[in-house]
Amino acid sequence: MTSLIAAFAECRRPWKIATFLIGLGLLIVGSFVFPAPDWDIPISIIMASFTYLTAGWSMHVMVERRWRDWPLMIFLTWWCVDGCYALYWSFVDPQALDFMREANWPASLSLYWMCGLIWYWNGSLKDMLKLLRQKFNHAH
């Protein structure tokens, strides 16, 4: 659980906040450009926010084989991908939930893991670029 709390602290990094806001903006624009019965601004904010808080940590759990954290990681992944979505739409429009749930979870799961990869790095953008330069210089 301590590592999850540390992951929340990582969410304060400016580069992570910027990428979150860019992604959220794309989701909100997408809700207008690609109208779907289950794509609106509130669910975009809800799902994106939970994903922001947990996807990087979930990726660490898998990559680092932290077996004790797997049950929580699986639960949080489900919550971000389907749980909060189902709860929201069961109140807002149960018909949209019935109609779209099957199609939503594969797309949401893919986005969740893509976000996990983007937010996997724990550190500043400056430190990441420095490490990449060192790796690139050693390769040549």
Protein backbone atom coordinates (compact mmCIF):
# COMPACT_ATOMS: atom_id res chain seq x y z
CA MET A 1 0.00 0.00 0.00
CA THR A 2 2.93 2.32 0.66
CA SER A 3 3.95 2.13 -2.99
CA LEU A 4 0.45 3.24 -4.04
CA ILE A 5 0.73 6.26 -1.76
CA ALA A 6 4.11 7.04 -3.32
CA ALA A 7 2.48 6.72 -6.75
CA PHE A 8 -0.05 9.37 -5.74
CA ALA A 9 2.85 11.67 -4.87
CA GLU A 10 4.22 11.10 -8.40
CA CYS A 11 1.01 12.60 -9.76
CA ARG A 12 2.21 16.06 -8.66
CA ARG A 13 4.96 16.14 -11.28
CA PRO A 14 4.35 18.91 -13.84
CA TRP A 15 5.04 16.69 -16.86
CA LYS A 16 2.53 14.12 -15.63
CA ILE A 17 -0.09 16.78 -14.93
CA ALA A 18 0.48 18.23 -18.42
CA THR A 19 0.08 14.85 -20.13
CA PHE A 20 -3.03 14.15 -18.05
CA LEU A 21 -4.59 17.47 -19.07
CA ILE A 22 -3.73 16.89 -22.73
CA GLY A 23 -5.31 13.43 -22.62
CA LEU A 24 -8.37 14.69 -20.78
CA GLY A 25 -8.73 17.47 -23.34
CA LEU A 26 -8.60 14.90 -26.14
CA LEU A 27 -11.28 12.81 -24.42
CA ILE A 28 -13.55 15.84 -24.02
CA VAL A 29 -13.06 16.90 -27.65
CA GLY A 30 -13.64 13.29 -28.72
CA SER A 31 -16.99 13.25 -26.96
CA PHE A 32 -18.13 15.99 -29.38
CA VAL A 33 -16.38 14.75 -32.52
CA PHE A 34 -17.34 11.09 -32.15
CA PRO A 35 -20.77 11.12 -30.54
CA ALA A 36 -21.58 7.89 -28.72
CA PRO A 37 -24.37 7.18 -26.24
CA ASP A 38 -21.86 6.50 -23.47
CA TRP A 39 -19.25 9.19 -24.09
CA ASP A 40 -19.79 12.44 -22.24
CA ILE A 41 -17.69 14.94 -20.32
CA PRO A 42 -18.40 13.66 -16.78
CA ILE A 43 -17.42 10.05 -17.54
CA SER A 44 -14.34 11.29 -19.38
CA ILE A 45 -13.27 13.21 -16.28
CA ILE A 46 -14.12 10.37 -13.89
CA MET A 47 -12.35 7.59 -15.81
CA ALA A 48 -9.35 9.74 -16.75
CA SER A 49 -8.85 10.87 -13.15
CA PHE A 50 -8.92 7.37 -11.70
CA THR A 51 -6.60 6.22 -14.49
CA TYR A 52 -4.20 9.07 -13.75
CA LEU A 53 -3.99 8.06 -10.11
CA THR A 54 -3.45 4.33 -10.68
CA ALA A 55 -2.20 3.35 -14.17
CA GLY A 56 1.49 4.07 -13.60
CA TRP A 57 1.44 2.19 -10.31
CA SER A 58 -0.37 -0.74 -11.93
CA MET A 59 2.28 -0.94 -14.63
CA HIS A 60 5.01 -1.01 -11.96
CA VAL A 61 3.21 -3.84 -10.17
CA MET A 62 3.26 -5.94 -13.33
CA VAL A 63 6.76 -5.09 -14.55
CA GLU A 64 8.36 -5.48 -11.12
CA ARG A 65 6.36 -8.65 -10.39
CA ARG A 66 5.03 -7.40 -7.08
CA TRP A 67 2.80 -10.41 -6.60
CA ARG A 68 1.36 -9.22 -3.28
CA ASP A 69 0.02 -6.10 -5.00
CA TRP A 70 -1.65 -7.99 -7.86
CA PRO A 71 -5.11 -8.31 -6.25
CA LEU A 72 -5.26 -4.55 -5.62
CA MET A 73 -3.82 -3.81 -9.07
CA ILE A 74 -6.45 -6.02 -10.75
CA PHE A 75 -9.24 -4.40 -8.73
CA LEU A 76 -8.05 -0.86 -9.52
CA THR A 77 -7.64 -1.72 -13.20
CA TRP A 78 -11.18 -3.08 -13.29
CA TRP A 79 -12.49 -0.02 -11.42
CA CYS A 80 -10.85 2.41 -13.86
CA VAL A 81 -11.78 0.45 -16.98
CA ASP A 82 -15.29 -0.79 -16.15
CA GLY A 83 -16.38 -0.34 -12.53
CA CYS A 84 -16.74 3.44 -12.36
CA TYR A 85 -18.12 3.44 -15.92
CA ALA A 86 -20.82 0.90 -15.05
CA LEU A 87 -21.72 2.66 -11.82
CA TYR A 88 -22.00 6.06 -13.55
CA TRP A 89 -24.10 4.83 -16.49
CA SER A 90 -26.33 2.68 -14.28
CA PHE A 91 -27.53 5.97 -12.75
CA VAL A 92 -27.33 8.27 -15.79
CA ASP A 93 -28.65 6.01 -18.58
CA PRO A 94 -28.91 2.26 -17.96
CA GLN A 95 -29.83 1.66 -21.61
CA ALA A 96 -26.56 3.23 -22.77
CA LEU A 97 -24.74 0.96 -20.32
CA ASP A 98 -26.47 -2.14 -21.67
CA PHE A 99 -25.82 -1.09 -25.24
CA MET A 100 -22.20 0.08 -24.96
CA ARG A 101 -20.53 -1.75 -22.06
CA GLU A 102 -19.29 -4.65 -24.17
CA ALA A 103 -17.60 -2.24 -26.60
CA ASN A 104 -16.25 0.14 -23.96
CA TRP A 105 -14.02 -2.08 -21.83
CA PRO A 106 -11.53 -3.19 -24.55
CA ALA A 107 -10.96 0.42 -25.62
CA SER A 108 -10.71 1.61 -22.01
CA LEU A 109 -8.33 -1.20 -21.05
CA SER A 110 -6.06 -0.33 -23.98
CA LEU A 111 -6.04 3.33 -22.98
CA TYR A 112 -5.39 2.38 -19.34
CA TRP A 113 -2.25 0.43 -20.22
CA MET A 114 -1.06 3.10 -22.67
CA CYS A 115 -1.38 5.63 -19.87
CA GLY A 116 0.44 3.24 -17.54
CA LEU A 117 3.35 3.22 -19.98
CA ILE A 118 3.35 7.01 -20.32
CA TRP A 119 3.27 7.53 -16.54
CA TYR A 120 5.57 4.61 -15.70
CA TRP A 121 8.64 6.81 -15.19
CA ASN A 122 8.95 7.93 -11.59
CA GLY A 123 11.00 11.06 -11.70
CA SER A 124 11.31 14.40 -13.35
CA LEU A 125 11.29 14.91 -17.08
CA LYS A 126 14.79 16.36 -16.78
CA ASP A 127 16.06 13.16 -15.11
CA MET A 128 14.40 10.99 -17.74
CA LEU A 129 16.01 12.96 -20.58
CA LYS A 130 19.39 12.81 -18.83
CA LEU A 131 19.12 9.03 -18.48
CA LEU A 132 18.07 8.65 -22.12
CA ARG A 133 21.06 10.75 -23.25
CA GLN A 134 23.40 8.58 -21.17
CA LYS A 135 21.94 5.38 -22.63
CA PHE A 136 22.12 6.79 -26.16
CA ASN A 137 25.74 7.93 -25.71
CA HIS A 138 26.80 4.51 -24.39
CA ALA A 139 25.15 2.79 -27.35
CA HIS A 140 27.31 4.66 -29.84
